[in-house]
């Protein structure tokens, strides 16, 4: 970080490294007046560190996050619905293995069903029930994935719009220079 005018600015170290390598390579290779090379280097770094540049980047990030939050709010009910169904499925699965299966096993014993038949019947019940829950879970997951896909698509479209605006602002700034 670099402190300037009492404010902290984040420095893009990759940019700074690239500029330093470029500067020292040009200096080493004798590609021009050292003073001009230094002035050009400082101008590029100062431009990257300028408050207006930082404000534009923060504004872009803020707008992206704001639009993402609006999309989440828009799909809030769908998200709650999918989450609620997933929770219900987890509870039902837990209840089945914790209580229902014990009750079925006890009923089979009380009915004097042979152990081999009871064991086979319980295995098939568990298999059938597990497949049913998996199918239900997959349907919920697909709905959740579709909703997430719509969120991503919306946020990508917004990011693309914001990127176009930023590029337009950069071109306008270059024209002003």
N, C-alpha and C. Protein backbone atom coordinates (compact mmCIF):
# COMPACT_ATOMS: atom_id res chain seq x y z
N UNK A 1 0.84 -1.18 0.00
CA UNK A 1 0.00 0.00 0.00
C UNK A 1 0.88 1.24 0.00
N UNK A 2 0.35 2.27 -0.54
CA UNK A 2 1.05 3.55 -0.56
C UNK A 2 0.15 4.55 0.11
N UNK A 3 0.73 5.37 0.97
CA UNK A 3 -0.07 6.40 1.64
C UNK A 3 0.13 7.71 0.90
N UNK A 4 -0.98 8.32 0.56
CA UNK A 4 -0.90 9.59 -0.15
C UNK A 4 -2.01 10.50 0.34
N UNK A 5 -1.68 11.71 0.70
CA UNK A 5 -2.65 12.70 1.19
C UNK A 5 -3.53 12.15 2.31
N UNK A 6 -2.95 11.33 3.18
CA UNK A 6 -3.70 10.79 4.30
C UNK A 6 -4.64 9.66 3.94
N UNK A 7 -4.66 9.25 2.69
CA UNK A 7 -5.52 8.15 2.26
C UNK A 7 -4.66 6.98 1.83
N UNK A 8 -5.15 5.78 2.05
CA UNK A 8 -4.44 4.59 1.62
C UNK A 8 -4.94 4.19 0.23
N UNK A 9 -3.99 3.90 -0.64
CA UNK A 9 -4.33 3.44 -1.97
C UNK A 9 -3.74 2.05 -2.16
N UNK A 10 -4.47 1.19 -2.79
CA UNK A 10 -3.96 -0.15 -3.08
C UNK A 10 -3.20 -0.08 -4.40
N UNK A 11 -2.01 -0.64 -4.39
CA UNK A 11 -1.18 -0.63 -5.58
C UNK A 11 -1.28 -1.99 -6.26
N UNK A 12 -1.50 -1.99 -7.54
CA UNK A 12 -1.48 -3.23 -8.31
C UNK A 12 -0.02 -3.59 -8.52
N UNK A 13 0.45 -4.54 -7.73
CA UNK A 13 1.87 -4.88 -7.76
C UNK A 13 2.29 -5.48 -9.10
N UNK A 14 1.42 -6.19 -9.75
CA UNK A 14 1.76 -6.73 -11.07
C UNK A 14 1.98 -5.60 -12.08
N UNK A 15 1.12 -4.60 -12.02
CA UNK A 15 1.28 -3.44 -12.90
C UNK A 15 2.59 -2.73 -12.59
N UNK A 16 2.85 -2.51 -11.31
CA UNK A 16 4.07 -1.82 -10.90
C UNK A 16 5.30 -2.61 -11.33
N UNK A 17 5.28 -3.91 -11.13
CA UNK A 17 6.41 -4.76 -11.53
C UNK A 17 6.65 -4.65 -13.02
N UNK A 18 5.57 -4.74 -13.81
CA UNK A 18 5.67 -4.67 -15.27
C UNK A 18 6.27 -3.33 -15.70
N UNK A 19 5.81 -2.27 -15.08
CA UNK A 19 6.31 -0.93 -15.42
C UNK A 19 7.78 -0.77 -15.03
N UNK A 20 8.15 -1.31 -13.85
CA UNK A 20 9.55 -1.23 -13.43
C UNK A 20 10.46 -2.02 -14.36
N UNK A 21 10.04 -3.22 -14.73
CA UNK A 21 10.83 -4.03 -15.65
C UNK A 21 10.98 -3.31 -16.98
N UNK A 22 9.89 -2.76 -17.45
CA UNK A 22 9.91 -2.03 -18.71
C UNK A 22 10.85 -0.82 -18.62
N UNK A 23 10.76 -0.08 -17.53
CA UNK A 23 11.60 1.10 -17.32
C UNK A 23 13.08 0.73 -17.29
N UNK A 24 13.43 -0.27 -16.45
CA UNK A 24 14.84 -0.63 -16.31
C UNK A 24 15.38 -1.31 -17.57
N UNK A 25 14.56 -2.03 -18.30
CA UNK A 25 14.98 -2.64 -19.56
C UNK A 25 15.30 -1.54 -20.57
N UNK A 26 14.41 -0.57 -20.67
CA UNK A 26 14.63 0.54 -21.59
C UNK A 26 15.87 1.33 -21.19
N UNK A 27 16.05 1.52 -19.90
CA UNK A 27 17.21 2.25 -19.39
C UNK A 27 18.50 1.48 -19.70
N UNK A 28 18.48 0.18 -19.44
CA UNK A 28 19.65 -0.67 -19.68
C UNK A 28 20.01 -0.73 -21.16
N UNK A 29 18.98 -0.81 -22.01
CA UNK A 29 19.21 -0.92 -23.45
C UNK A 29 19.49 0.43 -24.10
N UNK A 30 19.44 1.50 -23.31
CA UNK A 30 19.72 2.84 -23.83
C UNK A 30 18.68 3.33 -24.81
N UNK A 31 17.41 2.97 -24.55
CA UNK A 31 16.31 3.33 -25.46
C UNK A 31 15.75 4.71 -25.14
N UNK A 32 16.54 5.71 -25.24
CA UNK A 32 16.04 7.05 -25.03
C UNK A 32 16.68 7.75 -23.85
N UNK A 33 16.27 8.98 -23.68
CA UNK A 33 16.79 9.82 -22.61
C UNK A 33 16.33 9.29 -21.25
N UNK A 34 17.26 9.03 -20.32
CA UNK A 34 16.88 8.50 -19.00
C UNK A 34 15.87 9.38 -18.27
N UNK A 35 16.01 10.70 -18.39
CA UNK A 35 15.06 11.60 -17.72
C UNK A 35 13.66 11.46 -18.30
N UNK A 36 13.57 11.37 -19.62
CA UNK A 36 12.26 11.20 -20.26
C UNK A 36 11.66 9.84 -19.88
N UNK A 37 12.50 8.80 -19.86
CA UNK A 37 12.02 7.47 -19.46
C UNK A 37 11.45 7.51 -18.04
N UNK A 38 12.15 8.23 -17.15
CA UNK A 38 11.70 8.34 -15.76
C UNK A 38 10.38 9.12 -15.68
N UNK A 39 10.28 10.19 -16.42
CA UNK A 39 9.05 11.00 -16.41
C UNK A 39 7.88 10.17 -16.94
N UNK A 40 8.11 9.43 -18.03
CA UNK A 40 7.05 8.58 -18.59
C UNK A 40 6.63 7.50 -17.61
N UNK A 41 7.62 6.87 -16.98
CA UNK A 41 7.35 5.83 -15.98
C UNK A 41 6.50 6.39 -14.84
N UNK A 42 6.93 7.52 -14.29
CA UNK A 42 6.19 8.13 -13.17
C UNK A 42 4.78 8.55 -13.59
N UNK A 43 4.64 9.02 -14.81
CA UNK A 43 3.31 9.42 -15.29
C UNK A 43 2.37 8.22 -15.37
N UNK A 44 2.89 7.09 -15.88
CA UNK A 44 2.05 5.88 -15.97
C UNK A 44 1.66 5.37 -14.58
N UNK A 45 2.64 5.36 -13.67
CA UNK A 45 2.35 4.88 -12.31
C UNK A 45 1.39 5.83 -11.61
N UNK A 46 1.62 7.13 -11.75
CA UNK A 46 0.74 8.12 -11.12
C UNK A 46 -0.68 8.01 -11.65
N UNK A 47 -0.80 7.77 -12.95
CA UNK A 47 -2.13 7.61 -13.56
C UNK A 47 -2.84 6.40 -12.96
N UNK A 48 -2.09 5.31 -12.78
CA UNK A 48 -2.69 4.10 -12.22
C UNK A 48 -3.08 4.30 -10.76
N UNK A 49 -2.34 5.14 -10.05
CA UNK A 49 -2.60 5.35 -8.62
C UNK A 49 -3.54 6.53 -8.35
N UNK A 50 -3.92 7.23 -9.38
CA UNK A 50 -4.73 8.43 -9.16
C UNK A 50 -6.04 8.09 -8.47
N UNK A 51 -6.51 9.01 -7.70
CA UNK A 51 -7.77 8.82 -6.98
C UNK A 51 -8.94 8.62 -7.93
N UNK A 52 -8.93 9.33 -9.02
CA UNK A 52 -10.06 9.18 -9.95
C UNK A 52 -10.08 7.77 -10.53
N UNK A 53 -8.90 7.23 -10.82
CA UNK A 53 -8.83 5.86 -11.32
C UNK A 53 -9.34 4.89 -10.26
N UNK A 54 -8.92 5.11 -9.04
CA UNK A 54 -9.37 4.26 -7.94
C UNK A 54 -10.88 4.39 -7.73
N UNK A 55 -11.36 5.62 -7.79
CA UNK A 55 -12.80 5.84 -7.62
C UNK A 55 -13.60 5.15 -8.72
N UNK A 56 -13.10 5.18 -9.94
CA UNK A 56 -13.79 4.51 -11.04
C UNK A 56 -13.83 3.01 -10.81
N UNK A 57 -12.70 2.45 -10.37
CA UNK A 57 -12.66 1.01 -10.11
C UNK A 57 -13.60 0.65 -8.96
N UNK A 58 -13.59 1.44 -7.91
CA UNK A 58 -14.48 1.16 -6.78
C UNK A 58 -15.94 1.34 -7.18
N UNK A 59 -16.21 2.33 -8.00
CA UNK A 59 -17.58 2.55 -8.48
C UNK A 59 -18.05 1.38 -9.33
N UNK A 60 -17.17 0.87 -10.17
CA UNK A 60 -17.50 -0.30 -10.99
C UNK A 60 -17.79 -1.50 -10.10
N UNK A 61 -16.94 -1.74 -9.11
CA UNK A 61 -17.14 -2.85 -8.18
C UNK A 61 -18.44 -2.67 -7.39
N UNK A 62 -18.69 -1.45 -6.92
CA UNK A 62 -19.92 -1.17 -6.17
C UNK A 62 -21.15 -1.45 -7.03
N UNK A 63 -21.14 -0.99 -8.26
CA UNK A 63 -22.30 -1.21 -9.14
C UNK A 63 -22.50 -2.69 -9.44
N UNK A 64 -21.41 -3.42 -9.62
CA UNK A 64 -21.52 -4.86 -9.85
C UNK A 64 -22.16 -5.53 -8.64
N UNK A 65 -21.64 -5.23 -7.45
CA UNK A 65 -22.18 -5.84 -6.22
C UNK A 65 -23.63 -5.42 -5.99
N UNK A 66 -23.94 -4.17 -6.27
CA UNK A 66 -25.31 -3.67 -6.10
C UNK A 66 -26.27 -4.42 -7.02
N UNK A 67 -25.87 -4.61 -8.27
CA UNK A 67 -26.72 -5.35 -9.22
C UNK A 67 -26.84 -6.81 -8.83
N UNK A 68 -25.76 -7.40 -8.32
CA UNK A 68 -25.81 -8.79 -7.87
C UNK A 68 -26.78 -8.91 -6.70
N UNK A 69 -26.72 -7.97 -5.77
CA UNK A 69 -27.64 -7.98 -4.63
C UNK A 69 -29.08 -7.83 -5.09
N UNK A 70 -29.32 -6.98 -6.07
CA UNK A 70 -30.68 -6.83 -6.60
C UNK A 70 -31.18 -8.13 -7.22
N UNK A 71 -30.28 -8.84 -7.91
CA UNK A 71 -30.67 -10.14 -8.49
C UNK A 71 -30.99 -11.14 -7.39
N UNK A 72 -30.19 -11.14 -6.34
CA UNK A 72 -30.45 -12.05 -5.21
C UNK A 72 -31.80 -11.71 -4.58
N UNK A 73 -32.08 -10.41 -4.42
CA UNK A 73 -33.38 -10.00 -3.87
C UNK A 73 -34.52 -10.44 -4.78
N UNK A 74 -34.29 -10.32 -6.09
CA UNK A 74 -35.32 -10.70 -7.06
C UNK A 74 -35.64 -12.20 -6.96
N UNK A 75 -34.63 -13.02 -6.71
CA UNK A 75 -34.81 -14.46 -6.64
C UNK A 75 -34.87 -14.97 -5.20
N UNK A 76 -35.10 -14.07 -4.27
CA UNK A 76 -35.11 -14.40 -2.85
C UNK A 76 -36.09 -15.52 -2.53
N UNK A 77 -37.29 -15.44 -3.04
CA UNK A 77 -38.31 -16.44 -2.75
C UNK A 77 -37.92 -17.81 -3.32
N UNK A 78 -37.37 -17.82 -4.54
CA UNK A 78 -36.94 -19.09 -5.13
C UNK A 78 -35.82 -19.71 -4.31
N UNK A 79 -34.90 -18.88 -3.83
CA UNK A 79 -33.78 -19.36 -3.02
C UNK A 79 -34.31 -19.93 -1.71
N UNK A 80 -35.23 -19.21 -1.08
CA UNK A 80 -35.83 -19.70 0.17
C UNK A 80 -36.57 -21.01 -0.05
N UNK A 81 -37.31 -21.08 -1.15
CA UNK A 81 -38.09 -22.28 -1.47
C UNK A 81 -37.18 -23.49 -1.64
N UNK A 82 -36.12 -23.33 -2.43
CA UNK A 82 -35.20 -24.45 -2.66
C UNK A 82 -34.51 -24.86 -1.36
N UNK A 83 -34.13 -23.89 -0.59
CA UNK A 83 -33.47 -24.17 0.70
C UNK A 83 -34.42 -24.90 1.64
N UNK A 84 -35.67 -24.47 1.67
CA UNK A 84 -36.68 -25.09 2.53
C UNK A 84 -36.93 -26.54 2.13
N UNK A 85 -37.04 -26.78 0.84
CA UNK A 85 -37.27 -28.15 0.37
C UNK A 85 -36.07 -29.04 0.69
N UNK A 86 -34.88 -28.51 0.48
CA UNK A 86 -33.67 -29.30 0.81
C UNK A 86 -33.64 -29.63 2.30
N UNK A 87 -34.01 -28.68 3.13
CA UNK A 87 -34.06 -28.92 4.57
C UNK A 87 -35.10 -29.99 4.91
N UNK A 88 -36.27 -29.90 4.28
CA UNK A 88 -37.32 -30.90 4.50
C UNK A 88 -36.85 -32.30 4.11
N UNK A 89 -36.16 -32.40 3.00
CA UNK A 89 -35.65 -33.71 2.54
C UNK A 89 -34.64 -34.26 3.54
N UNK A 90 -33.74 -33.39 4.05
CA UNK A 90 -32.76 -33.85 5.05
C UNK A 90 -33.46 -34.33 6.32
N UNK A 91 -34.49 -33.59 6.75
CA UNK A 91 -35.24 -33.99 7.95
C UNK A 91 -35.96 -35.32 7.72
N UNK A 92 -36.58 -35.44 6.56
CA UNK A 92 -37.32 -36.67 6.25
C UNK A 92 -36.37 -37.87 6.21
N UNK A 93 -35.21 -37.70 5.61
CA UNK A 93 -34.22 -38.78 5.54
C UNK A 93 -33.77 -39.17 6.95
N UNK A 94 -33.50 -38.17 7.77
CA UNK A 94 -33.06 -38.43 9.14
C UNK A 94 -34.16 -39.15 9.93
N UNK A 95 -35.40 -38.69 9.79
CA UNK A 95 -36.53 -39.29 10.48
C UNK A 95 -36.74 -40.74 10.04
N UNK A 96 -36.59 -40.99 8.75
CA UNK A 96 -36.78 -42.34 8.23
C UNK A 96 -35.79 -43.31 8.88
N UNK A 97 -34.51 -42.93 8.89
CA UNK A 97 -33.50 -43.84 9.44
C UNK A 97 -33.51 -43.88 10.97
N UNK A 98 -33.93 -42.78 11.60
CA UNK A 98 -33.93 -42.75 13.07
C UNK A 98 -35.17 -43.40 13.67
N UNK A 99 -36.34 -43.25 13.03
CA UNK A 99 -37.58 -43.74 13.64
C UNK A 99 -38.32 -44.76 12.79
N UNK A 100 -38.67 -44.36 11.59
CA UNK A 100 -39.53 -45.18 10.74
C UNK A 100 -38.96 -46.58 10.52
N UNK A 101 -37.69 -46.65 10.21
CA UNK A 101 -37.06 -47.94 9.96
C UNK A 101 -37.10 -48.83 11.19
N UNK A 102 -36.91 -48.25 12.37
CA UNK A 102 -36.99 -49.02 13.62
C UNK A 102 -38.41 -49.54 13.84
N UNK A 103 -39.39 -48.69 13.56
CA UNK A 103 -40.79 -49.08 13.74
C UNK A 103 -41.17 -50.21 12.78
N UNK A 104 -40.72 -50.11 11.53
CA UNK A 104 -41.02 -51.16 10.55
C UNK A 104 -40.36 -52.46 10.98
N UNK A 105 -39.11 -52.38 11.43
CA UNK A 105 -38.40 -53.57 11.88
C UNK A 105 -39.11 -54.22 13.07
N UNK A 106 -39.54 -53.41 14.03
CA UNK A 106 -40.26 -53.92 15.20
C UNK A 106 -41.58 -54.55 14.79
N UNK A 107 -42.31 -53.93 13.86
CA UNK A 107 -43.58 -54.47 13.39
C UNK A 107 -43.38 -55.83 12.71
N UNK A 108 -42.33 -55.94 11.91
CA UNK A 108 -42.04 -57.21 11.25
C UNK A 108 -41.71 -58.30 12.27
N UNK A 109 -40.96 -57.94 13.31
CA UNK A 109 -40.63 -58.91 14.36
C UNK A 109 -41.89 -59.34 15.11
N UNK A 110 -42.73 -58.35 15.44
CA UNK A 110 -43.98 -58.64 16.16
C UNK A 110 -44.91 -59.51 15.32
N UNK A 111 -44.84 -59.36 14.02
CA UNK A 111 -45.70 -60.15 13.12
C UNK A 111 -45.11 -61.54 12.86
N UNK A 112 -43.99 -61.82 13.46
CA UNK A 112 -43.30 -63.11 13.36
C UNK A 112 -42.93 -63.46 11.92
N UNK A 113 -42.48 -62.42 11.20
CA UNK A 113 -41.96 -62.64 9.85
C UNK A 113 -40.54 -63.16 10.02
N UNK A 114 -40.16 -64.13 9.19
CA UNK A 114 -38.82 -64.73 9.32
C UNK A 114 -37.75 -63.65 9.13
N UNK A 115 -36.61 -63.84 9.78
CA UNK A 115 -35.52 -62.85 9.72
C UNK A 115 -35.02 -62.63 8.29
N UNK A 116 -34.95 -63.68 7.51
CA UNK A 116 -34.48 -63.56 6.12
C UNK A 116 -35.43 -62.71 5.29
N UNK A 117 -36.73 -62.96 5.43
CA UNK A 117 -37.74 -62.19 4.68
C UNK A 117 -37.75 -60.75 5.17
N UNK A 118 -37.70 -60.56 6.50
CA UNK A 118 -37.72 -59.21 7.07
C UNK A 118 -36.50 -58.42 6.61
N UNK A 119 -35.33 -59.07 6.63
CA UNK A 119 -34.10 -58.42 6.22
C UNK A 119 -34.17 -57.99 4.75
N UNK A 120 -34.65 -58.90 3.91
CA UNK A 120 -34.77 -58.60 2.47
C UNK A 120 -35.78 -57.47 2.23
N UNK A 121 -36.89 -57.51 2.94
CA UNK A 121 -37.93 -56.49 2.79
C UNK A 121 -37.39 -55.13 3.23
N UNK A 122 -36.66 -55.08 4.33
CA UNK A 122 -36.08 -53.81 4.83
C UNK A 122 -35.04 -53.28 3.85
N UNK A 123 -34.21 -54.16 3.29
CA UNK A 123 -33.22 -53.73 2.30
C UNK A 123 -33.90 -53.08 1.10
N UNK A 124 -34.97 -53.70 0.60
CA UNK A 124 -35.69 -53.15 -0.54
C UNK A 124 -36.38 -51.83 -0.18
N UNK A 125 -36.91 -51.76 1.04
CA UNK A 125 -37.54 -50.52 1.50
C UNK A 125 -36.51 -49.39 1.55
N UNK A 126 -35.37 -49.68 2.14
CA UNK A 126 -34.31 -48.67 2.24
C UNK A 126 -33.84 -48.24 0.86
N UNK A 127 -33.64 -49.20 -0.02
CA UNK A 127 -33.20 -48.89 -1.38
C UNK A 127 -34.22 -48.02 -2.11
N UNK A 128 -35.48 -48.43 -2.03
CA UNK A 128 -36.55 -47.68 -2.70
C UNK A 128 -36.68 -46.27 -2.12
N UNK A 129 -36.65 -46.18 -0.80
CA UNK A 129 -36.80 -44.89 -0.13
C UNK A 129 -35.61 -43.97 -0.45
N UNK A 130 -34.41 -44.54 -0.42
CA UNK A 130 -33.21 -43.75 -0.72
C UNK A 130 -33.25 -43.23 -2.15
N UNK A 131 -33.67 -44.07 -3.11
CA UNK A 131 -33.79 -43.63 -4.49
C UNK A 131 -34.82 -42.51 -4.62
N UNK A 132 -35.94 -42.65 -3.91
CA UNK A 132 -36.99 -41.64 -3.96
C UNK A 132 -36.48 -40.30 -3.43
N UNK A 133 -35.78 -40.34 -2.29
CA UNK A 133 -35.22 -39.11 -1.73
C UNK A 133 -34.16 -38.51 -2.63
N UNK A 134 -33.35 -39.36 -3.24
CA UNK A 134 -32.31 -38.87 -4.15
C UNK A 134 -32.94 -38.17 -5.35
N UNK A 135 -34.01 -38.78 -5.88
CA UNK A 135 -34.71 -38.17 -7.00
C UNK A 135 -35.28 -36.81 -6.61
N UNK A 136 -35.92 -36.75 -5.44
CA UNK A 136 -36.47 -35.48 -4.95
C UNK A 136 -35.35 -34.46 -4.77
N UNK A 137 -34.24 -34.90 -4.18
CA UNK A 137 -33.10 -34.00 -3.98
C UNK A 137 -32.53 -33.51 -5.29
N UNK A 138 -32.46 -34.40 -6.28
CA UNK A 138 -31.95 -33.99 -7.60
C UNK A 138 -32.85 -32.96 -8.25
N UNK A 139 -34.16 -33.12 -8.12
CA UNK A 139 -35.09 -32.14 -8.69
C UNK A 139 -34.91 -30.77 -8.03
N UNK A 140 -34.73 -30.78 -6.71
CA UNK A 140 -34.50 -29.52 -5.99
C UNK A 140 -33.17 -28.91 -6.41
N UNK A 141 -32.15 -29.76 -6.51
CA UNK A 141 -30.83 -29.27 -6.93
C UNK A 141 -30.89 -28.66 -8.32
N UNK A 142 -31.61 -29.32 -9.24
CA UNK A 142 -31.75 -28.78 -10.59
C UNK A 142 -32.43 -27.42 -10.57
N UNK A 143 -33.48 -27.29 -9.74
CA UNK A 143 -34.15 -26.00 -9.63
C UNK A 143 -33.19 -24.95 -9.07
N UNK A 144 -32.42 -25.33 -8.05
CA UNK A 144 -31.46 -24.40 -7.45
C UNK A 144 -30.38 -24.03 -8.47
N UNK A 145 -29.91 -25.01 -9.23
CA UNK A 145 -28.88 -24.74 -10.23
C UNK A 145 -29.43 -23.83 -11.32
N UNK A 146 -30.68 -24.07 -11.73
CA UNK A 146 -31.30 -23.19 -12.73
C UNK A 146 -31.39 -21.76 -12.20
N UNK A 147 -31.78 -21.62 -10.93
CA UNK A 147 -31.89 -20.29 -10.33
C UNK A 147 -30.52 -19.63 -10.27
N UNK A 148 -29.52 -20.38 -9.86
CA UNK A 148 -28.15 -19.84 -9.80
C UNK A 148 -27.69 -19.44 -11.21
N UNK A 149 -28.04 -20.27 -12.19
CA UNK A 149 -27.69 -19.95 -13.58
C UNK A 149 -28.31 -18.64 -14.02
N UNK A 150 -29.57 -18.43 -13.65
CA UNK A 150 -30.23 -17.17 -13.99
C UNK A 150 -29.55 -16.00 -13.28
N UNK A 151 -29.17 -16.20 -12.03
CA UNK A 151 -28.45 -15.15 -11.29
C UNK A 151 -27.13 -14.82 -11.98
N UNK A 152 -26.39 -15.85 -12.34
CA UNK A 152 -25.09 -15.63 -13.00
C UNK A 152 -25.27 -14.94 -14.34
N UNK A 153 -26.26 -15.39 -15.09
CA UNK A 153 -26.50 -14.78 -16.40
C UNK A 153 -26.81 -13.30 -16.23
N UNK A 154 -27.68 -12.99 -15.27
CA UNK A 154 -28.03 -11.59 -15.02
C UNK A 154 -26.82 -10.78 -14.57
N UNK A 155 -26.00 -11.36 -13.70
CA UNK A 155 -24.84 -10.61 -13.22
C UNK A 155 -23.79 -10.45 -14.32
N UNK A 156 -23.66 -11.46 -15.20
CA UNK A 156 -22.72 -11.34 -16.31
C UNK A 156 -23.17 -10.24 -17.27
N UNK A 157 -24.48 -10.19 -17.52
CA UNK A 157 -25.00 -9.14 -18.40
C UNK A 157 -24.74 -7.77 -17.80
N UNK A 158 -24.97 -7.64 -16.50
CA UNK A 158 -24.70 -6.37 -15.83
C UNK A 158 -23.22 -6.04 -15.85
N UNK A 159 -22.38 -7.03 -15.62
CA UNK A 159 -20.93 -6.81 -15.63
C UNK A 159 -20.49 -6.36 -17.02
N UNK A 160 -21.08 -6.98 -18.05
CA UNK A 160 -20.73 -6.61 -19.42
C UNK A 160 -21.14 -5.15 -19.69
N UNK A 161 -22.34 -4.78 -19.21
CA UNK A 161 -22.79 -3.39 -19.38
C UNK A 161 -21.85 -2.44 -18.66
N UNK A 162 -21.50 -2.78 -17.41
CA UNK A 162 -20.61 -1.92 -16.63
C UNK A 162 -19.23 -1.84 -17.27
N UNK A 163 -18.76 -2.95 -17.83
CA UNK A 163 -17.46 -2.97 -18.49
C UNK A 163 -17.48 -2.06 -19.71
N UNK A 164 -18.61 -2.10 -20.46
CA UNK A 164 -18.74 -1.23 -21.63
C UNK A 164 -18.70 0.24 -21.21
N UNK A 165 -19.39 0.55 -20.11
CA UNK A 165 -19.41 1.93 -19.60
C UNK A 165 -18.00 2.34 -19.19
N UNK A 166 -17.29 1.44 -18.51
CA UNK A 166 -15.93 1.75 -18.07
C UNK A 166 -15.02 1.98 -19.28
N UNK A 167 -15.13 1.12 -20.31
CA UNK A 167 -14.32 1.28 -21.50
C UNK A 167 -14.64 2.60 -22.20
N UNK A 168 -15.92 2.94 -22.23
CA UNK A 168 -16.33 4.20 -22.83
C UNK A 168 -15.74 5.38 -22.05
N UNK A 169 -15.77 5.28 -20.71
CA UNK A 169 -15.19 6.34 -19.88
C UNK A 169 -13.68 6.45 -20.11
N UNK A 170 -13.00 5.31 -20.27
CA UNK A 170 -11.55 5.33 -20.53
C UNK A 170 -11.26 6.01 -21.87
N UNK A 171 -12.07 5.66 -22.89
CA UNK A 171 -11.86 6.26 -24.20
C UNK A 171 -12.10 7.77 -24.15
N UNK A 172 -13.13 8.17 -23.39
CA UNK A 172 -13.39 9.60 -23.23
C UNK A 172 -12.23 10.28 -22.51
N UNK A 173 -11.67 9.61 -21.50
CA UNK A 173 -10.55 10.17 -20.74
C UNK A 173 -9.33 10.30 -21.64
N UNK A 174 -9.10 9.29 -22.51
CA UNK A 174 -7.97 9.35 -23.43
C UNK A 174 -8.13 10.49 -24.42
N UNK A 175 -9.36 10.73 -24.87
CA UNK A 175 -9.62 11.82 -25.80
C UNK A 175 -9.33 13.15 -25.15
N UNK A 176 -9.65 13.24 -23.84
CA UNK A 176 -9.44 14.50 -23.10
C UNK A 176 -7.95 14.79 -22.90
N UNK A 177 -7.12 13.73 -22.92
CA UNK A 177 -5.68 13.92 -22.69
C UNK A 177 -5.06 14.50 -23.89
